[in-house]
PDB file of N, CA and C in Angstrom:
ATOM      1  N   ALA A   1     -46.577  -5.309  58.218  1.00  0.00           N
ATOM      2  CA  ALA A   1     -46.167  -6.269  59.230  1.00  0.00           C
ATOM      3  C   ALA A   1     -47.385  -6.837  59.956  1.00  0.00           C
ATOM      4  N   GLY A   2     -48.421  -6.008  60.094  1.00  0.00           N
ATOM      5  CA  GLY A   2     -49.616  -6.456  60.801  1.00  0.00           C
ATOM      6  C   GLY A   2     -50.328  -7.590  60.088  1.00  0.00           C
ATOM      7  N   LEU A   3     -50.376  -7.514  58.753  1.00  0.00           N
ATOM      8  CA  LEU A   3     -51.044  -8.572  57.992  1.00  0.00           C
ATOM      9  C   LEU A   3     -50.281  -9.882  58.055  1.00  0.00           C
ATOM     10  N   MET A   4     -48.964  -9.809  58.205  1.00  0.00           N
ATOM     11  CA  MET A   4     -48.159 -11.032  58.300  1.00  0.00           C
ATOM     12  C   MET A   4     -48.481 -11.793  59.580  1.00  0.00           C
ATOM     13  N   VAL A   5     -48.954 -11.105  60.570  1.00  0.00           N
ATOM     14  CA  VAL A   5     -49.357 -11.752  61.819  1.00  0.00           C
ATOM     15  C   VAL A   5     -50.852 -12.042  61.803  1.00  0.00           C
ATOM     16  N   GLY A   6     -51.635 -11.099  61.296  1.00  0.00           N
ATOM     17  CA  GLY A   6     -53.091 -11.203  61.347  1.00  0.00           C
ATOM     18  C   GLY A   6     -53.667 -12.327  60.504  1.00  0.00           C
ATOM     19  N   ILE A   7     -53.163 -12.496  59.293  1.00  0.00           N
ATOM     20  CA  ILE A   7     -53.719 -13.518  58.399  1.00  0.00           C
ATOM     21  C   ILE A   7     -53.468 -14.930  58.931  1.00  0.00           C
ATOM     22  N   PRO A   8     -52.236 -15.287  59.316  1.00  0.00           N
ATOM     23  CA  PRO A   8     -52.054 -16.624  59.910  1.00  0.00           C
ATOM     24  C   PRO A   8     -52.848 -16.799  61.214  1.00  0.00           C
ATOM     25  N   ALA A   9     -52.963 -15.727  61.988  1.00  0.00           N
ATOM     26  CA  ALA A   9     -53.737 -15.818  63.230  1.00  0.00           C
ATOM     27  C   ALA A   9     -55.202 -16.104  62.923  1.00  0.00           C
ATOM     28  N   LEU A  10     -55.740 -15.495  61.873  1.00  0.00           N
ATOM     29  CA  LEU A  10     -57.128 -15.737  61.481  1.00  0.00           C
ATOM     30  C   LEU A  10     -57.327 -17.190  61.054  1.00  0.00           C
ATOM     31  N   PHE A  11     -56.417 -17.712  60.243  1.00  0.00           N
ATOM     32  CA  PHE A  11     -56.517 -19.112  59.821  1.00  0.00           C
ATOM     33  C   PHE A  11     -56.432 -20.054  61.020  1.00  0.00           C
ATOM     34  N   PHE A  12     -55.508 -19.777  61.929  1.00  0.00           N
ATOM     35  CA  PHE A  12     -55.346 -20.615  63.115  1.00  0.00           C
ATOM     36  C   PHE A  12     -56.593 -20.553  63.992  1.00  0.00           C
ATOM     37  N   HIS A  13     -57.162 -19.356  64.131  1.00  0.00           N
ATOM     38  CA  HIS A  13     -58.376 -19.189  64.932  1.00  0.00           C
ATOM     39  C   HIS A  13     -59.528 -19.988  64.330  1.00  0.00           C
ATOM     40  N   ARG A  14     -59.697 -19.907  63.019  1.00  0.00           N
ATOM     41  CA  ARG A  14     -60.775 -20.656  62.365  1.00  0.00           C
ATOM     42  C   ARG A  14     -60.568 -22.157  62.489  1.00  0.00           C
ATOM     43  N   PHE A  15     -59.313 -22.597  62.388  1.00  0.00           N
ATOM     44  CA  PHE A  15     -59.005 -24.018  62.552  1.00  0.00           C
ATOM     45  C   PHE A  15     -59.400 -24.488  63.950  1.00  0.00           C
ATOM     46  N   LEU A  16     -58.995 -23.718  64.963  1.00  0.00           N
ATOM     47  CA  LEU A  16     -59.317 -24.102  66.335  1.00  0.00           C
ATOM     48  C   LEU A  16     -60.813 -24.035  66.600  1.00  0.00           C
ATOM     49  N   LEU A  17     -61.477 -23.033  66.049  1.00  0.00           N
ATOM     50  CA  LEU A  17     -62.914 -22.904  66.233  1.00  0.00           C
ATOM     51  C   LEU A  17     -63.641 -24.116  65.652  1.00  0.00           C
ATOM     52  N   ARG A  18     -63.234 -24.540  64.460  1.00  0.00           N
ATOM     53  CA  ARG A  18     -63.845 -25.714  63.833  1.00  0.00           C
ATOM     54  C   ARG A  18     -63.583 -26.966  64.671  1.00  0.00           C
ATOM     55  N   ARG A  19     -62.371 -27.088  65.195  1.00  0.00           N
ATOM     56  CA  ARG A  19     -62.017 -28.255  66.013  1.00  0.00           C
ATOM     57  C   ARG A  19     -62.858 -28.293  67.288  1.00  0.00           C
ATOM     58  N   VAL A  20     -63.027 -27.143  67.926  1.00  0.00           N
ATOM     59  CA  VAL A  20     -63.832 -27.077  69.149  1.00  0.00           C
ATOM     60  C   VAL A  20     -65.281 -27.438  68.840  1.00  0.00           C
ATOM     61  N   GLU A  21     -65.810 -26.940  67.730  1.00  0.00           N
ATOM     62  CA  GLU A  21     -67.188 -27.263  67.366  1.00  0.00           C
ATOM     63  C   GLU A  21     -67.359 -28.761  67.138  1.00  0.00           C
ATOM     64  N   GLU A  22     -66.376 -29.395  66.515  1.00  0.00           N
ATOM     65  CA  GLU A  22     -66.437 -30.845  66.310  1.00  0.00           C
ATOM     66  C   GLU A  22     -66.436 -31.581  67.646  1.00  0.00           C
ATOM     67  N   LEU A  23     -65.614 -31.125  68.575  1.00  0.00           N
ATOM     68  CA  LEU A  23     -65.565 -31.757  69.894  1.00  0.00           C
ATOM     69  C   LEU A  23     -66.881 -31.575  70.644  1.00  0.00           C
ATOM     70  N   VAL A  24     -67.472 -30.397  70.542  1.00  0.00           N
ATOM     71  CA  VAL A  24     -68.743 -30.130  71.223  1.00  0.00           C
ATOM     72  C   VAL A  24     -69.838 -31.030  70.668  1.00  0.00           C
ATOM     73  N   VAL A  25     -69.889 -31.177  69.358  1.00  0.00           N
ATOM     74  CA  VAL A  25     -70.905 -32.045  68.747  1.00  0.00           C
ATOM     75  C   VAL A  25     -70.714 -33.486  69.222  1.00  0.00           C
ATOM     76  N   GLY A  26     -69.484 -33.948  69.261  1.00  0.00           N
ATOM     77  CA  GLY A  26     -69.213 -35.303  69.739  1.00  0.00           C
ATOM     78  C   GLY A  26     -69.615 -35.491  71.191  1.00  0.00           C
ATOM     79  N   MET A  27     -69.320 -34.495  72.012  1.00  0.00           N
ATOM     80  CA  MET A  27     -69.691 -34.585  73.426  1.00  0.00           C
ATOM     81  C   MET A  27     -71.203 -34.570  73.592  1.00  0.00           C
ATOM     82  N   GLU A  28     -71.906 -33.774  72.796  1.00  0.00           N
ATOM     83  CA  GLU A  28     -73.366 -33.742  72.869  1.00  0.00           C
ATOM     84  C   GLU A  28     -73.955 -35.091  72.479  1.00  0.00           C
ATOM     85  N   GLN A  29     -73.408 -35.708  71.443  1.00  0.00           N
ATOM     86  CA  GLN A  29     -73.906 -37.015  71.014  1.00  0.00           C
ATOM     87  C   GLN A  29     -73.683 -38.069  72.090  1.00  0.00           C
ATOM     88  N   GLU A  30     -72.522 -38.049  72.717  1.00  0.00           N
ATOM     89  CA  GLU A  30     -72.248 -39.012  73.787  1.00  0.00           C
ATOM     90  C   GLU A  30     -73.140 -38.749  74.998  1.00  0.00           C
ATOM     91  N   ALA A  31     -73.410 -37.484  75.298  1.00  0.00           N
ATOM     92  CA  ALA A  31     -74.293 -37.152  76.418  1.00  0.00           C
ATOM     93  C   ALA A  31     -75.707 -37.649  76.149  1.00  0.00           C
ATOM     94  N   ILE A  32     -76.161 -37.520  74.911  1.00  0.00           N
ATOM     95  CA  ILE A  32     -77.494 -38.016  74.555  1.00  0.00           C
ATOM     96  C   ILE A  32     -77.554 -39.529  74.732  1.00  0.00           C
ATOM     97  N   LYS A  33     -76.508 -40.228  74.305  1.00  0.00           N
ATOM     98  CA  LYS A  33     -76.464 -41.682  74.489  1.00  0.00           C
ATOM     99  C   LYS A  33     -76.520 -42.039  75.968  1.00  0.00           C
ATOM    100  N   LEU A  34     -75.786 -41.300  76.794  1.00  0.00           N
ATOM    101  CA  LEU A  34     -75.774 -41.564  78.229  1.00  0.00           C
ATOM    102  C   LEU A  34     -77.155 -41.352  78.834  1.00  0.00           C
ATOM    103  N   VAL A  35     -77.809 -40.271  78.450  1.00  0.00           N
ATOM    104  CA  VAL A  35     -79.153 -39.998  78.967  1.00  0.00           C
ATOM    105  C   VAL A  35     -80.111 -41.104  78.540  1.00  0.00           C
ATOM    106  N   GLU A  36     -79.987 -41.565  77.305  1.00  0.00           N
ATOM    107  CA  GLU A  36     -80.858 -42.647  76.841  1.00  0.00           C
ATOM    108  C   GLU A  36     -80.627 -43.921  77.640  1.00  0.00           C
ATOM    109  N   VAL A  37     -79.373 -44.222  77.953  1.00  0.00           N
ATOM    110  CA  VAL A  37     -79.070 -45.418  78.743  1.00  0.00           C
ATOM    111  C   VAL A  37     -79.642 -45.277  80.144  1.00  0.00           C
ATOM    112  N   VAL A  38     -79.428 -44.128  80.763  1.00  0.00           N
ATOM    113  CA  VAL A  38     -79.936 -43.909  82.123  1.00  0.00           C
ATOM    114  C   VAL A  38     -81.457 -43.932  82.118  1.00  0.00           C
ATOM    115  N   GLN A  39     -82.069 -43.293  81.146  1.00  0.00           N
ATOM    116  CA  GLN A  39     -83.527 -43.277  81.055  1.00  0.00           C
ATOM    117  C   GLN A  39     -84.056 -44.684  80.820  1.00  0.00           C
ATOM    118  N   GLY A  40     -83.370 -45.454  80.006  1.00  0.00           N
ATOM    119  CA  GLY A  40     -83.793 -46.830  79.748  1.00  0.00           C
ATOM    120  C   GLY A  40     -83.722 -47.675  81.003  1.00  0.00           C
ATOM    121  N   ASP A  41     -82.670 -47.508  81.806  1.00  0.00           N
ATOM    122  CA  ASP A  41     -82.552 -48.237  83.067  1.00  0.00           C
ATOM    123  C   ASP A  41     -83.672 -47.843  84.015  1.00  0.00           C
ATOM    124  N   ARG A  42     -84.022 -46.571  84.033  1.00  0.00           N
ATOM    125  CA  ARG A  42     -85.086 -46.109  84.924  1.00  0.00           C
ATOM    126  C   ARG A  42     -86.415 -46.722  84.508  1.00  0.00           C
ATOM    127  N   ASP A  43     -86.686 -46.787  83.191  1.00  0.00           N
ATOM    128  CA  ASP A  43     -87.933 -47.381  82.713  1.00  0.00           C
ATOM    129  C   ASP A  43     -88.021 -48.844  83.117  1.00  0.00           C
ATOM    130  N   VAL A  44     -86.924 -49.573  83.038  1.00  0.00           N
ATOM    131  CA  VAL A  44     -86.909 -50.982  83.424  1.00  0.00           C
ATOM    132  C   VAL A  44     -87.167 -51.107  84.918  1.00  0.00           C
ATOM    133  N   ASP A  45     -86.519 -50.255  85.730  1.00  0.00           N
ATOM    134  CA  ASP A  45     -86.707 -50.308  87.177  1.00  0.00           C
ATOM    135  C   ASP A  45     -88.146 -49.984  87.554  1.00  0.00           C
ATOM    136  N   LEU A  46     -88.742 -48.987  86.921  1.00  0.00           N
ATOM    137  CA  LEU A  46     -90.124 -48.631  87.225  1.00  0.00           C
ATOM    138  C   LEU A  46     -91.067 -49.752  86.824  1.00  0.00           C
ATOM    139  N   GLY A  47     -90.795 -50.384  85.706  1.00  0.00           N
ATOM    140  CA  GLY A  47     -91.637 -51.487  85.249  1.00  0.00           C
ATOM    141  C   GLY A  47     -91.583 -52.667  86.199  1.00  0.00           C
ATOM    142  N   GLU A  48     -90.415 -52.951  86.751  1.00  0.00           N
ATOM    143  CA  GLU A  48     -90.280 -54.064  87.684  1.00  0.00           C
ATOM    144  C   GLU A  48     -90.990 -53.760  88.996  1.00  0.00           C
ATOM    145  N   GLY A  49     -90.994 -52.502  89.415  1.00  0.00           N
ATOM    146  CA  GLY A  49     -91.632 -52.124  90.667  1.00  0.00           C
ATOM    147  C   GLY A  49     -93.140 -52.246  90.612  1.00  0.00           C
ATOM    148  N   LYS A  50     -93.715 -52.036  89.442  1.00  0.00           N
ATOM    149  CA  LYS A  50     -95.169 -52.092  89.289  1.00  0.00           C
ATOM    150  C   LYS A  50     -95.675 -53.526  89.217  1.00  0.00           C
ATOM    151  N   ALA A  51     -94.825 -54.446  88.804  1.00  0.00           N
ATOM    152  CA  ALA A  51     -95.269 -55.826  88.589  1.00  0.00           C
ATOM    153  C   ALA A  51     -95.425 -56.578  89.834  1.00  0.00           C
TER     154      ALA A  51
END
């Protein structure tokens, strides 16, 4: 009886783990884009201040 619960639970756990990892990678990529945009705006602002 234990294997009837354990095996599907293992598959479900691996499915969710893979899904979470995909979401984390996507969030990291979007965060990098955001940092690049913010950093780019800062570079433009600093350049204008020096001129």
